[in-house]
Amino acid sequence: MTGPVEPILHVSLVREWAAAQDAGVYAISSLGKTLQQEGFIHCSYPSQVDGVLQRFYSDVREPLCLLVIDPDRLDVPVVATGLAGGRTGMRIVEELTEEAILNDFVRIRDESRTSTLVVDPTSGTHTEINEWGPKVTSSELETLLDKLRYLSQGAEAVVFAGSLPRGVDEGFYADAARELGRRGVRIVLDTDGVPLQLGLEAEPWLVSPNQREAEQLVGQELGDEADFLMALDAIAEKGARNVHITTDAGCFALIREDRQVRRFRVDAPRIEPVSVVGAGDALLAQFLASHIAEATPDEALRQGVAAGAASVLVVGGGCFDPTEARRLASLVEVHELTPVG
């Protein structure tokens, strides 16, 4: 029989905790160090607190408080990395930090690009304006690979997402996926075009193309359910262990569970979208979080589609209200499909 779990504690300055309550986020790692600088928050068990106070806080003359961390309220830990340059890159890092998302970016010489979304609220249409991206040097790219090797140690999954900067070989994702995959890391690939085609050859654990990207992969338009079932199998045959194809109405999925291959159609509830940009990203992120939390495949898909549906109600790629996502989850319909023949 196991005993009670020891509480997890963190020593904080009273003023810093008060400021965090006002701001809605706590981003202090330890005395004089921010979460961004350290990449994690220093914690202790009760038996360690006296030693921490004597070693690090003996000269502190302002009030301290002892915070108790509830592990059940912590989200799946995520570390964002990539290439960040100039004022735009700094803004990316600052906004991730404000959202309490751990991040460790490689600083590059060129300016990170700005992507602008113009939404027409009367028609629901949107236009994306993407700047010409930065040129990345070979040394900057090698630094990123070193960081990926370090950060992926013990990771549940590594997600490669987005287009590649100009000048970067289109096989970059595939090469990185092979290297990390050999170490047992689950690779998730969310890109398009040639990088996706080459990445499939590295046998990623999951790929998540949208309908247009899937049509490019299989060389035909996808209309009815039979078309999507064909596409799921065709993409899996190219190397992916699991496949999502996101659509305006939800998603189709092929999930391997033990030795069984299961196929699903997941229908989102009908809602009036404000902006659909980032819905697929929200779906993928919530699916992964649910999967890591050991949800069943159908439940992970349900929660993923609900998050994607909630995200179309707000402007801002990938943003959504968790309360709204939970409400929509009860309206999501999950159908397990049987392939013909």
C-alpha atoms as a PDB file:
ATOM      1  CA  MET A   1       0.000   0.000   0.000  1.00  0.00           C
ATOM      2  CA  THR A   2       1.406   3.391  -0.940  1.00  0.00           C
ATOM      3  CA  GLY A   3       1.544   6.313   1.484  1.00  0.00           C
ATOM      4  CA  PRO A   4       0.324   9.848   0.907  1.00  0.00           C
ATOM      5  CA  VAL A   5       1.979  11.768  -1.909  1.00  0.00           C
ATOM      6  CA  GLU A   6       4.341  14.484  -0.679  1.00  0.00           C
ATOM      7  CA  PRO A   7       3.252  18.027  -1.580  1.00  0.00           C
ATOM      8  CA  ILE A   8       5.288  19.918  -4.178  1.00  0.00           C
ATOM      9  CA  LEU A   9       6.363  23.338  -2.880  1.00  0.00           C
ATOM     10  CA  HIS A  10       7.880  26.504  -4.342  1.00  0.00           C
ATOM     11  CA  VAL A  11       9.396  29.449  -2.445  1.00  0.00           C
ATOM     12  CA  SER A  12       8.375  32.854  -3.785  1.00  0.00           C
ATOM     13  CA  LEU A  13       8.703  36.508  -2.880  1.00  0.00           C
ATOM     14  CA  VAL A  14       5.322  37.787  -1.691  1.00  0.00           C
ATOM     15  CA  ARG A  15       5.458  40.721  -4.120  1.00  0.00           C
ATOM     16  CA  GLU A  16       6.180  38.415  -7.070  1.00  0.00           C
ATOM     17  CA  TRP A  17       3.271  36.141  -6.163  1.00  0.00           C
ATOM     18  CA  ALA A  18       0.988  39.160  -5.777  1.00  0.00           C
ATOM     19  CA  ALA A  19       2.088  40.458  -9.197  1.00  0.00           C
ATOM     20  CA  ALA A  20       1.442  37.020 -10.718  1.00  0.00           C
ATOM     21  CA  GLN A  21      -2.095  36.957  -9.333  1.00  0.00           C
ATOM     22  CA  ASP A  22      -2.756  40.354 -10.901  1.00  0.00           C
ATOM     23  CA  ALA A  23      -1.245  39.267 -14.237  1.00  0.00           C
ATOM     24  CA  GLY A  24      -2.866  35.828 -14.265  1.00  0.00           C
ATOM     25  CA  VAL A  25       0.442  33.985 -14.857  1.00  0.00           C
ATOM     26  CA  TYR A  26       3.446  33.075 -12.705  1.00  0.00           C
ATOM     27  CA  ALA A  27       6.733  33.173 -14.636  1.00  0.00           C
ATOM     28  CA  ILE A  28       9.406  33.078 -11.906  1.00  0.00           C
ATOM     29  CA  SER A  29      11.764  30.117 -11.753  1.00  0.00           C
ATOM     30  CA  SER A  30      13.713  30.950  -8.591  1.00  0.00           C
ATOM     31  CA  LEU A  31      15.216  33.929  -6.811  1.00  0.00           C
ATOM     32  CA  GLY A  32      16.364  36.385  -9.469  1.00  0.00           C
ATOM     33  CA  LYS A  33      15.627  33.956 -12.335  1.00  0.00           C
ATOM     34  CA  THR A  34      12.638  33.949 -14.681  1.00  0.00           C
ATOM     35  CA  LEU A  35      10.912  30.959 -16.228  1.00  0.00           C
ATOM     36  CA  GLN A  36      12.199  32.049 -19.636  1.00  0.00           C
ATOM     37  CA  GLN A  37      15.806  32.065 -18.396  1.00  0.00           C
ATOM     38  CA  GLU A  38      15.704  28.691 -16.657  1.00  0.00           C
ATOM     39  CA  GLY A  39      13.058  26.834 -18.675  1.00  0.00           C
ATOM     40  CA  PHE A  40      11.417  25.385 -15.544  1.00  0.00           C
ATOM     41  CA  ILE A  41      10.257  26.346 -12.039  1.00  0.00           C
ATOM     42  CA  HIS A  42      12.378  25.205  -9.096  1.00  0.00           C
ATOM     43  CA  CYS A  43      10.352  23.145  -6.616  1.00  0.00           C
ATOM     44  CA  SER A  44      10.995  21.271  -3.369  1.00  0.00           C
ATOM     45  CA  TYR A  45       9.542  18.612  -1.124  1.00  0.00           C
ATOM     46  CA  PRO A  46       8.817  19.631   2.499  1.00  0.00           C
ATOM     47  CA  SER A  47      12.044  18.046   3.767  1.00  0.00           C
ATOM     48  CA  GLN A  48      14.065  20.193   1.337  1.00  0.00           C
ATOM     49  CA  VAL A  49      12.558  23.609   2.068  1.00  0.00           C
ATOM     50  CA  ASP A  50      14.825  24.497   5.043  1.00  0.00           C
ATOM     51  CA  GLY A  51      17.904  23.772   2.962  1.00  0.00           C
ATOM     52  CA  VAL A  52      16.602  25.905   0.087  1.00  0.00           C
ATOM     53  CA  LEU A  53      15.896  28.822   2.413  1.00  0.00           C
ATOM     54  CA  GLN A  54      19.333  28.631   4.044  1.00  0.00           C
ATOM     55  CA  ARG A  55      21.219  28.276   0.755  1.00  0.00           C
ATOM     56  CA  PHE A  56      19.421  30.740  -1.481  1.00  0.00           C
ATOM     57  CA  TYR A  57      17.285  33.055   0.675  1.00  0.00           C
ATOM     58  CA  SER A  58      19.392  33.721   3.781  1.00  0.00           C
ATOM     59  CA  ASP A  59      20.146  37.298   2.674  1.00  0.00           C
ATOM     60  CA  VAL A  60      16.592  38.123   1.564  1.00  0.00           C
ATOM     61  CA  ARG A  61      14.945  40.708   3.823  1.00  0.00           C
ATOM     62  CA  GLU A  62      11.525  40.988   2.170  1.00  0.00           C
ATOM     63  CA  PRO A  63       8.543  38.721   2.909  1.00  0.00           C
ATOM     64  CA  LEU A  64       8.452  35.214   1.442  1.00  0.00           C
ATOM     65  CA  CYS A  65       5.604  32.796   0.882  1.00  0.00           C
ATOM     66  CA  LEU A  66       5.480  29.047   0.304  1.00  0.00           C
ATOM     67  CA  LEU A  67       3.339  27.966  -2.646  1.00  0.00           C
ATOM     68  CA  VAL A  68       1.762  24.514  -2.857  1.00  0.00           C
ATOM     69  CA  ILE A  69       1.502  23.110  -6.401  1.00  0.00           C
ATOM     70  CA  ASP A  70      -1.444  20.902  -7.315  1.00  0.00           C
ATOM     71  CA  PRO A  71      -0.134  18.440  -9.971  1.00  0.00           C
ATOM     72  CA  ASP A  72      -3.701  17.553 -11.018  1.00  0.00           C
ATOM     73  CA  ARG A  73      -4.211  21.107 -12.273  1.00  0.00           C
ATOM     74  CA  LEU A  74      -1.078  21.170 -14.408  1.00  0.00           C
ATOM     75  CA  ASP A  75      -1.462  20.888 -18.177  1.00  0.00           C
ATOM     76  CA  VAL A  76       0.672  18.625 -20.366  1.00  0.00           C
ATOM     77  CA  PRO A  77       4.109  20.285 -20.277  1.00  0.00           C
ATOM     78  CA  VAL A  78       5.092  21.760 -23.618  1.00  0.00           C
ATOM     79  CA  VAL A  79       8.347  23.373 -24.726  1.00  0.00           C
ATOM     80  CA  ALA A  80       8.262  25.494 -27.879  1.00  0.00           C
ATOM     81  CA  THR A  81      11.437  25.838 -29.910  1.00  0.00           C
ATOM     82  CA  GLY A  82      12.416  27.029 -33.341  1.00  0.00           C
ATOM     83  CA  LEU A  83      14.119  30.014 -34.947  1.00  0.00           C
ATOM     84  CA  ALA A  84      13.482  33.570 -33.737  1.00  0.00           C
ATOM     85  CA  GLY A  85      15.068  36.750 -35.030  1.00  0.00           C
ATOM     86  CA  GLY A  86      14.707  40.502 -34.636  1.00  0.00           C
ATOM     87  CA  ARG A  87      11.799  42.315 -33.025  1.00  0.00           C
ATOM     88  CA  THR A  88       9.254  39.844 -34.391  1.00  0.00           C
ATOM     89  CA  GLY A  89      11.166  36.915 -32.926  1.00  0.00           C
ATOM     90  CA  MET A  90      11.373  38.688 -29.572  1.00  0.00           C
ATOM     91  CA  ARG A  91       7.622  39.288 -29.648  1.00  0.00           C
ATOM     92  CA  ILE A  92       7.004  35.568 -30.262  1.00  0.00           C
ATOM     93  CA  VAL A  93       9.134  34.660 -27.245  1.00  0.00           C
ATOM     94  CA  GLU A  94       7.517  37.313 -25.037  1.00  0.00           C
ATOM     95  CA  GLU A  95       3.968  36.261 -25.896  1.00  0.00           C
ATOM     96  CA  LEU A  96       4.707  32.582 -25.308  1.00  0.00           C
ATOM     97  CA  THR A  97       6.214  33.486 -21.937  1.00  0.00           C
ATOM     98  CA  GLU A  98       3.173  35.582 -21.030  1.00  0.00           C
ATOM     99  CA  GLU A  99       1.042  32.490 -21.703  1.00  0.00           C
ATOM    100  CA  ALA A 100       3.358  30.475 -19.386  1.00  0.00           C
ATOM    101  CA  ILE A 101       4.475  28.288 -22.293  1.00  0.00           C
ATOM    102  CA  LEU A 102       8.064  27.142 -21.826  1.00  0.00           C
ATOM    103  CA  ASN A 103      10.231  28.095 -24.786  1.00  0.00           C
ATOM    104  CA  ASP A 104      13.834  27.841 -25.862  1.00  0.00           C
ATOM    105  CA  PHE A 105      14.416  29.389 -29.282  1.00  0.00           C
ATOM    106  CA  VAL A 106      17.551  29.726 -31.381  1.00  0.00           C
ATOM    107  CA  ARG A 107      18.219  33.418 -32.012  1.00  0.00           C
ATOM    108  CA  ILE A 108      18.998  34.084 -35.672  1.00  0.00           C
ATOM    109  CA  ARG A 109      20.417  37.076 -37.501  1.00  0.00           C
ATOM    110  CA  ASP A 110      17.514  37.704 -39.904  1.00  0.00           C
ATOM    111  CA  GLU A 111      14.079  38.970 -38.850  1.00  0.00           C
ATOM    112  CA  SER A 112      11.316  36.418 -38.238  1.00  0.00           C
ATOM    113  CA  ARG A 113       8.417  36.952 -40.593  1.00  0.00           C
ATOM    114  CA  THR A 114       5.091  38.490 -39.649  1.00  0.00           C
ATOM    115  CA  SER A 115       1.893  36.806 -40.823  1.00  0.00           C
ATOM    116  CA  THR A 116      -1.210  39.004 -41.001  1.00  0.00           C
ATOM    117  CA  LEU A 117      -4.769  37.703 -41.037  1.00  0.00           C
ATOM    118  CA  VAL A 118      -7.544  39.896 -42.436  1.00  0.00           C
ATOM    119  CA  VAL A 119     -11.019  38.651 -41.450  1.00  0.00           C
ATOM    120  CA  ASP A 120     -14.225  39.867 -43.096  1.00  0.00           C
ATOM    121  CA  PRO A 121     -16.858  39.504 -40.336  1.00  0.00           C
ATOM    122  CA  THR A 122     -19.727  39.929 -42.796  1.00  0.00           C
ATOM    123  CA  SER A 123     -18.810  36.994 -45.003  1.00  0.00           C
ATOM    124  CA  GLY A 124     -16.612  34.923 -42.707  1.00  0.00           C
ATOM    125  CA  THR A 125     -13.835  34.905 -45.308  1.00  0.00           C
ATOM    126  CA  HIS A 126     -10.217  35.617 -44.448  1.00  0.00           C
ATOM    127  CA  THR A 127      -7.023  36.569 -46.229  1.00  0.00           C
ATOM    128  CA  GLU A 128      -3.542  35.648 -45.019  1.00  0.00           C
ATOM    129  CA  ILE A 129      -0.615  37.949 -45.820  1.00  0.00           C
ATOM    130  CA  ASN A 130       2.733  36.276 -45.153  1.00  0.00           C
ATOM    131  CA  GLU A 131       6.005  38.150 -45.321  1.00  0.00           C
ATOM    132  CA  TRP A 132       9.086  36.736 -47.016  1.00  0.00           C
ATOM    133  CA  GLY A 133      10.706  34.684 -44.268  1.00  0.00           C
ATOM    134  CA  PRO A 134      14.261  34.879 -42.913  1.00  0.00           C
ATOM    135  CA  LYS A 135      17.286  33.246 -44.481  1.00  0.00           C
ATOM    136  CA  VAL A 136      18.799  30.796 -42.022  1.00  0.00           C
ATOM    137  CA  THR A 137      22.511  30.001 -41.947  1.00  0.00           C
ATOM    138  CA  SER A 138      23.857  26.458 -41.669  1.00  0.00           C
ATOM    139  CA  SER A 139      25.307  27.196 -38.219  1.00  0.00           C
ATOM    140  CA  GLU A 140      21.919  28.485 -36.969  1.00  0.00           C
ATOM    141  CA  LEU A 141      20.234  25.348 -38.294  1.00  0.00           C
ATOM    142  CA  GLU A 142      22.807  23.089 -36.635  1.00  0.00           C
ATOM    143  CA  THR A 143      22.241  24.910 -33.349  1.00  0.00           C
ATOM    144  CA  LEU A 144      18.519  24.183 -33.699  1.00  0.00           C
ATOM    145  CA  LEU A 145      19.234  20.489 -34.282  1.00  0.00           C
ATOM    146  CA  ASP A 146      21.429  20.382 -31.172  1.00  0.00           C
ATOM    147  CA  LYS A 147      18.620  21.993 -29.189  1.00  0.00           C
ATOM    148  CA  LEU A 148      16.109  19.455 -30.536  1.00  0.00           C
ATOM    149  CA  ARG A 149      18.398  16.602 -29.523  1.00  0.00           C
ATOM    150  CA  TYR A 150      18.619  18.008 -25.998  1.00  0.00           C
ATOM    151  CA  LEU A 151      14.962  18.977 -25.528  1.00  0.00           C
ATOM    152  CA  SER A 152      13.642  15.686 -26.936  1.00  0.00           C
ATOM    153  CA  GLN A 153      15.300  13.654 -24.188  1.00  0.00           C
ATOM    154  CA  GLY A 154      12.435  12.025 -22.328  1.00  0.00           C
ATOM    155  CA  ALA A 155       9.808  13.754 -24.493  1.00  0.00           C
ATOM    156  CA  GLU A 156       6.503  12.028 -25.228  1.00  0.00           C
ATOM    157  CA  ALA A 157       6.450  13.533 -28.722  1.00  0.00           C
ATOM    158  CA  VAL A 158       8.115  16.119 -30.942  1.00  0.00           C
ATOM    159  CA  VAL A 159       5.884  18.106 -33.306  1.00  0.00           C
ATOM    160  CA  PHE A 160       7.388  19.552 -36.493  1.00  0.00           C
ATOM    161  CA  ALA A 161       4.949  22.182 -37.725  1.00  0.00           C
ATOM    162  CA  GLY A 162       4.797  24.894 -40.337  1.00  0.00           C
ATOM    163  CA  SER A 163       6.664  25.752 -43.510  1.00  0.00           C
ATOM    164  CA  LEU A 164      10.450  25.728 -43.711  1.00  0.00           C
ATOM    165  CA  PRO A 165      12.415  29.001 -43.973  1.00  0.00           C
ATOM    166  CA  ARG A 166      13.858  29.837 -47.362  1.00  0.00           C
ATOM    167  CA  GLY A 167      17.157  28.172 -48.072  1.00  0.00           C
ATOM    168  CA  VAL A 168      16.495  25.230 -45.752  1.00  0.00           C
ATOM    169  CA  ASP A 169      16.614  21.856 -47.452  1.00  0.00           C
ATOM    170  CA  GLU A 170      13.110  20.424 -47.953  1.00  0.00           C
ATOM    171  CA  GLY A 171      14.271  17.183 -46.358  1.00  0.00           C
ATOM    172  CA  PHE A 172      15.048  18.895 -43.022  1.00  0.00           C
ATOM    173  CA  TYR A 173      11.976  17.554 -41.237  1.00  0.00           C
ATOM    174  CA  ALA A 174      12.535  14.076 -42.640  1.00  0.00           C
ATOM    175  CA  ASP A 175      16.186  13.966 -41.545  1.00  0.00           C
ATOM    176  CA  ALA A 176      15.395  15.282 -38.062  1.00  0.00           C
ATOM    177  CA  ALA A 177      12.461  12.870 -37.737  1.00  0.00           C
ATOM    178  CA  ARG A 178      14.639   9.893 -38.638  1.00  0.00           C
ATOM    179  CA  GLU A 179      17.302  10.854 -36.109  1.00  0.00           C
ATOM    180  CA  LEU A 180      14.878  11.442 -33.246  1.00  0.00           C
ATOM    181  CA  GLY A 181      12.734   8.462 -34.255  1.00  0.00           C
ATOM    182  CA  ARG A 182      15.746   6.155 -33.884  1.00  0.00           C
ATOM    183  CA  ARG A 183      15.872   7.271 -30.240  1.00  0.00           C
ATOM    184  CA  GLY A 184      12.268   6.223 -29.699  1.00  0.00           C
ATOM    185  CA  VAL A 185      10.696   9.699 -29.874  1.00  0.00           C
ATOM    186  CA  ARG A 186       7.206   9.881 -31.381  1.00  0.00           C
ATOM    187  CA  ILE A 187       7.298  12.284 -34.328  1.00  0.00           C
ATOM    188  CA  VAL A 188       4.287  14.345 -35.348  1.00  0.00           C
ATOM    189  CA  LEU A 189       4.443  16.106 -38.717  1.00  0.00           C
ATOM    190  CA  ASP A 190       2.156  19.018 -39.544  1.00  0.00           C
ATOM    191  CA  THR A 191       3.377  20.608 -42.761  1.00  0.00           C
ATOM    192  CA  ASP A 192       2.626  20.386 -46.485  1.00  0.00           C
ATOM    193  CA  GLY A 193       4.154  20.036 -49.948  1.00  0.00           C
ATOM    194  CA  VAL A 194       7.523  18.404 -50.475  1.00  0.00           C
ATOM    195  CA  PRO A 195       8.556  18.550 -46.782  1.00  0.00           C
ATOM    196  CA  LEU A 196       5.463  16.478 -45.964  1.00  0.00           C
ATOM    197  CA  GLN A 197       6.071  14.029 -48.803  1.00  0.00           C
ATOM    198  CA  LEU A 198       9.690  13.492 -47.747  1.00  0.00           C
ATOM    199  CA  GLY A 199       8.732  13.436 -44.084  1.00  0.00           C
ATOM    200  CA  LEU A 200       6.388  10.502 -44.647  1.00  0.00           C
ATOM    201  CA  GLU A 201       9.390   8.428 -45.706  1.00  0.00           C
ATOM    202  CA  ALA A 202      10.760   8.877 -42.173  1.00  0.00           C
ATOM    203  CA  GLU A 203       7.716   6.952 -40.851  1.00  0.00           C
ATOM    204  CA  PRO A 204       6.357   9.541 -38.385  1.00  0.00           C
ATOM    205  CA  TRP A 205       4.021   8.484 -35.608  1.00  0.00           C
ATOM    206  CA  LEU A 206       1.333  10.922 -36.791  1.00  0.00           C
ATOM    207  CA  VAL A 207       0.710  13.240 -39.741  1.00  0.00           C
ATOM    208  CA  SER A 208      -2.125  15.770 -39.763  1.00  0.00           C
ATOM    209  CA  PRO A 209      -2.768  17.256 -43.217  1.00  0.00           C
ATOM    210  CA  ASN A 210      -5.867  19.269 -43.972  1.00  0.00           C
ATOM    211  CA  GLN A 211      -8.109  18.184 -46.855  1.00  0.00           C
ATOM    212  CA  ARG A 212      -6.228  20.217 -49.482  1.00  0.00           C
ATOM    213  CA  GLU A 213      -2.858  18.887 -48.326  1.00  0.00           C
ATOM    214  CA  ALA A 214      -4.182  15.305 -48.296  1.00  0.00           C
ATOM    215  CA  GLU A 215      -5.516  15.735 -51.840  1.00  0.00           C
ATOM    216  CA  GLN A 216      -2.043  16.792 -52.959  1.00  0.00           C
ATOM    217  CA  LEU A 217      -0.546  13.708 -51.318  1.00  0.00           C
ATOM    218  CA  VAL A 218      -2.915  11.205 -52.935  1.00  0.00           C
ATOM    219  CA  GLY A 219      -3.296  13.020 -56.266  1.00  0.00           C
ATOM    220  CA  GLN A 220      -7.088  13.360 -56.361  1.00  0.00           C
ATOM    221  CA  GLU A 221      -9.945  15.352 -54.855  1.00  0.00           C
ATOM    222  CA  LEU A 222     -11.654  13.923 -51.789  1.00  0.00           C
ATOM    223  CA  GLY A 223     -15.423  14.054 -51.831  1.00  0.00           C
ATOM    224  CA  ASP A 224     -17.323  11.284 -50.108  1.00  0.00           C
ATOM    225  CA  GLU A 225     -16.484   9.044 -47.171  1.00  0.00           C
ATOM    226  CA  ALA A 226     -14.982   6.354 -49.410  1.00  0.00           C
ATOM    227  CA  ASP A 227     -12.515   8.893 -50.810  1.00  0.00           C
ATOM    228  CA  PHE A 228     -11.329   9.832 -47.329  1.00  0.00           C
ATOM    229  CA  LEU A 229     -10.978   6.188 -46.301  1.00  0.00           C
ATOM    230  CA  MET A 230      -8.857   5.609 -49.390  1.00  0.00           C
ATOM    231  CA  ALA A 231      -6.729   8.656 -48.552  1.00  0.00           C
ATOM    232  CA  LEU A 232      -6.180   7.544 -44.949  1.00  0.00           C
ATOM    233  CA  ASP A 233      -4.905   4.156 -46.112  1.00  0.00           C
ATOM    234  CA  ALA A 234      -2.798   5.652 -48.920  1.00  0.00           C
ATOM    235  CA  ILE A 235      -1.063   8.115 -46.581  1.00  0.00           C
ATOM    236  CA  ALA A 236      -0.475   5.369 -44.016  1.00  0.00           C
ATOM    237  CA  GLU A 237       1.079   3.209 -46.747  1.00  0.00           C
ATOM    238  CA  LYS A 238       3.513   6.058 -47.465  1.00  0.00           C
ATOM    239  CA  GLY A 239       4.913   5.679 -43.961  1.00  0.00           C
ATOM    240  CA  ALA A 240       2.682   7.343 -41.341  1.00  0.00           C
ATOM    241  CA  ARG A 241       1.634   5.180 -38.418  1.00  0.00           C
ATOM    242  CA  ASN A 242      -1.407   7.346 -37.643  1.00  0.00           C
ATOM    243  CA  VAL A 243      -3.210   9.863 -39.869  1.00  0.00           C
ATOM    244  CA  HIS A 244      -5.595  12.772 -39.339  1.00  0.00           C
ATOM    245  CA  ILE A 245      -7.227  14.554 -42.269  1.00  0.00           C
ATOM    246  CA  THR A 246      -8.880  17.712 -40.991  1.00  0.00           C
ATOM    247  CA  THR A 247     -11.903  19.143 -42.786  1.00  0.00           C
ATOM    248  CA  ASP A 248     -14.292  22.047 -42.323  1.00  0.00           C
ATOM    249  CA  ALA A 249     -16.727  19.582 -40.733  1.00  0.00           C
ATOM    250  CA  GLY A 250     -14.280  17.836 -38.361  1.00  0.00           C
ATOM    251  CA  CYS A 251     -11.781  15.162 -39.328  1.00  0.00           C
ATOM    252  CA  PHE A 252     -11.179  11.642 -40.587  1.00  0.00           C
ATOM    253  CA  ALA A 253      -8.598   9.568 -38.741  1.00  0.00           C
ATOM    254  CA  LEU A 254      -6.696   6.309 -38.963  1.00  0.00           C
ATOM    255  CA  ILE A 255      -5.411   5.169 -35.566  1.00  0.00           C
ATOM    256  CA  ARG A 256      -3.256   2.116 -34.879  1.00  0.00           C
ATOM    257  CA  GLU A 257      -3.998   0.654 -31.463  1.00  0.00           C
ATOM    258  CA  ASP A 258      -1.829  -2.339 -30.586  1.00  0.00           C
ATOM    259  CA  ARG A 259      -2.186  -4.485 -33.738  1.00  0.00           C
ATOM    260  CA  GLN A 260      -5.572  -3.108 -34.663  1.00  0.00           C
ATOM    261  CA  VAL A 261      -6.161  -0.386 -37.260  1.00  0.00           C
ATOM    262  CA  ARG A 262      -9.223   1.761 -36.558  1.00  0.00           C
ATOM    263  CA  ARG A 263     -10.745   4.430 -38.799  1.00  0.00           C
ATOM    264  CA  PHE A 264     -13.017   7.243 -37.662  1.00  0.00           C
ATOM    265  CA  ARG A 265     -15.125  10.088 -38.949  1.00  0.00           C
ATOM    266  CA  VAL A 266     -15.517  12.821 -36.343  1.00  0.00           C
ATOM    267  CA  ASP A 267     -18.207  15.445 -36.940  1.00  0.00           C
ATOM    268  CA  ALA A 268     -17.982  18.851 -35.290  1.00  0.00           C
ATOM    269  CA  PRO A 269     -21.181  20.618 -34.237  1.00  0.00           C
ATOM    270  CA  ARG A 270     -22.527  23.213 -36.670  1.00  0.00           C
ATOM    271  CA  ILE A 271     -21.470  26.684 -35.533  1.00  0.00           C
ATOM    272  CA  GLU A 272     -20.996  30.046 -37.203  1.00  0.00           C
ATOM    273  CA  PRO A 273     -17.217  30.580 -37.474  1.00  0.00           C
ATOM    274  CA  VAL A 274     -15.469  33.874 -36.808  1.00  0.00           C
ATOM    275  CA  SER A 275     -12.122  32.661 -38.149  1.00  0.00           C
ATOM    276  CA  VAL A 276     -11.069  29.134 -39.115  1.00  0.00           C
ATOM    277  CA  VAL A 277      -7.328  29.897 -39.068  1.00  0.00           C
ATOM    278  CA  GLY A 278      -5.540  27.647 -36.568  1.00  0.00           C
ATOM    279  CA  ALA A 279      -8.457  25.258 -36.032  1.00  0.00           C
ATOM    280  CA  GLY A 280      -6.398  22.306 -37.228  1.00  0.00           C
ATOM    281  CA  ASP A 281      -3.557  23.304 -34.902  1.00  0.00           C
ATOM    282  CA  ALA A 282      -5.916  23.411 -31.918  1.00  0.00           C
ATOM    283  CA  LEU A 283      -7.381  20.024 -32.897  1.00  0.00           C
ATOM    284  CA  LEU A 284      -3.934  18.430 -33.135  1.00  0.00           C
ATOM    285  CA  ALA A 285      -2.669  19.926 -29.869  1.00  0.00           C
ATOM    286  CA  GLN A 286      -5.711  18.814 -27.882  1.00  0.00           C
ATOM    287  CA  PHE A 287      -5.636  15.336 -29.439  1.00  0.00           C
ATOM    288  CA  LEU A 288      -1.993  14.939 -28.373  1.00  0.00           C
ATOM    289  CA  ALA A 289      -2.699  16.236 -24.867  1.00  0.00           C
ATOM    290  CA  SER A 290      -5.625  13.821 -24.505  1.00  0.00           C
ATOM    291  CA  HIS A 291      -3.611  10.918 -25.920  1.00  0.00           C
ATOM    292  CA  ILE A 292      -0.745  11.569 -23.513  1.00  0.00           C
ATOM    293  CA  ALA A 293      -3.313  11.669 -20.696  1.00  0.00           C
ATOM    294  CA  GLU A 294      -4.272   8.132 -21.831  1.00  0.00           C
ATOM    295  CA  ALA A 295      -7.673   8.934 -23.311  1.00  0.00           C
ATOM    296  CA  THR A 296      -9.097   6.319 -25.675  1.00  0.00           C
ATOM    297  CA  PRO A 297      -8.630   7.088 -29.401  1.00  0.00           C
ATOM    298  CA  ASP A 298     -12.278   8.034 -29.890  1.00  0.00           C
ATOM    299  CA  GLU A 299     -12.285  10.270 -26.802  1.00  0.00           C
ATOM    300  CA  ALA A 300      -9.003  11.951 -27.805  1.00  0.00           C
ATOM    301  CA  LEU A 301     -10.483  12.647 -31.245  1.00  0.00           C
ATOM    302  CA  ARG A 302     -13.684  13.972 -29.670  1.00  0.00           C
ATOM    303  CA  GLN A 303     -11.747  16.402 -27.482  1.00  0.00           C
ATOM    304  CA  GLY A 304      -9.489  17.413 -30.357  1.00  0.00           C
ATOM    305  CA  VAL A 305     -12.373  18.241 -32.679  1.00  0.00           C
ATOM    306  CA  ALA A 306     -14.121  20.124 -29.869  1.00  0.00           C
ATOM    307  CA  ALA A 307     -11.024  22.267 -29.344  1.00  0.00           C
ATOM    308  CA  GLY A 308     -10.808  22.931 -33.085  1.00  0.00           C
ATOM    309  CA  ALA A 309     -14.484  23.926 -33.123  1.00  0.00           C
ATOM    310  CA  ALA A 310     -14.046  26.240 -30.139  1.00  0.00           C
ATOM    311  CA  SER A 311     -11.090  27.938 -31.828  1.00  0.00           C
ATOM    312  CA  VAL A 312     -13.159  29.115 -34.812  1.00  0.00           C
ATOM    313  CA  LEU A 313     -15.239  31.255 -32.447  1.00  0.00           C
ATOM    314  CA  VAL A 314     -12.336  33.632 -31.756  1.00  0.00           C
ATOM    315  CA  VAL A 315      -9.774  35.486 -33.870  1.00  0.00           C
ATOM    316  CA  GLY A 316      -6.261  34.268 -33.149  1.00  0.00           C
ATOM    317  CA  GLY A 317      -4.662  31.142 -34.563  1.00  0.00           C
ATOM    318  CA  GLY A 318      -5.060  28.179 -32.236  1.00  0.00           C
ATOM    319  CA  CYS A 319      -6.721  30.132 -29.390  1.00  0.00           C
ATOM    320  CA  PHE A 320      -9.862  28.808 -27.731  1.00  0.00           C
ATOM    321  CA  ASP A 321     -11.855  28.935 -24.513  1.00  0.00           C
ATOM    322  CA  PRO A 322     -11.431  25.590 -22.658  1.00  0.00           C
ATOM    323  CA  THR A 323     -14.894  25.943 -21.110  1.00  0.00           C
ATOM    324  CA  GLU A 324     -16.421  26.304 -24.580  1.00  0.00           C
ATOM    325  CA  ALA A 325     -14.416  23.323 -25.826  1.00  0.00           C
ATOM    326  CA  ARG A 326     -15.766  21.165 -22.998  1.00  0.00           C
ATOM    327  CA  ARG A 327     -19.310  22.252 -23.845  1.00  0.00           C
ATOM    328  CA  LEU A 328     -18.839  21.473 -27.538  1.00  0.00           C
ATOM    329  CA  ALA A 329     -17.304  18.060 -26.789  1.00  0.00           C
ATOM    330  CA  SER A 330     -20.731  16.740 -25.825  1.00  0.00           C
ATOM    331  CA  LEU A 331     -21.993  17.731 -29.285  1.00  0.00           C
ATOM    332  CA  VAL A 332     -19.164  16.092 -31.258  1.00  0.00           C
ATOM    333  CA  GLU A 333     -20.160  12.847 -32.988  1.00  0.00           C
ATOM    334  CA  VAL A 334     -17.572  10.074 -33.389  1.00  0.00           C
ATOM    335  CA  HIS A 335     -18.269   7.303 -35.911  1.00  0.00           C
ATOM    336  CA  GLU A 336     -16.028   4.273 -36.335  1.00  0.00           C
ATOM    337  CA  LEU A 337     -15.814   3.312 -39.982  1.00  0.00           C
ATOM    338  CA  THR A 338     -15.349   0.005 -41.738  1.00  0.00           C
ATOM    339  CA  PRO A 339     -13.458   0.128 -45.050  1.00  0.00           C
ATOM    340  CA  VAL A 340     -15.232  -1.409 -48.006  1.00  0.00           C
ATOM    341  CA  GLY A 341     -13.505  -4.476 -49.361  1.00  0.00           C
END
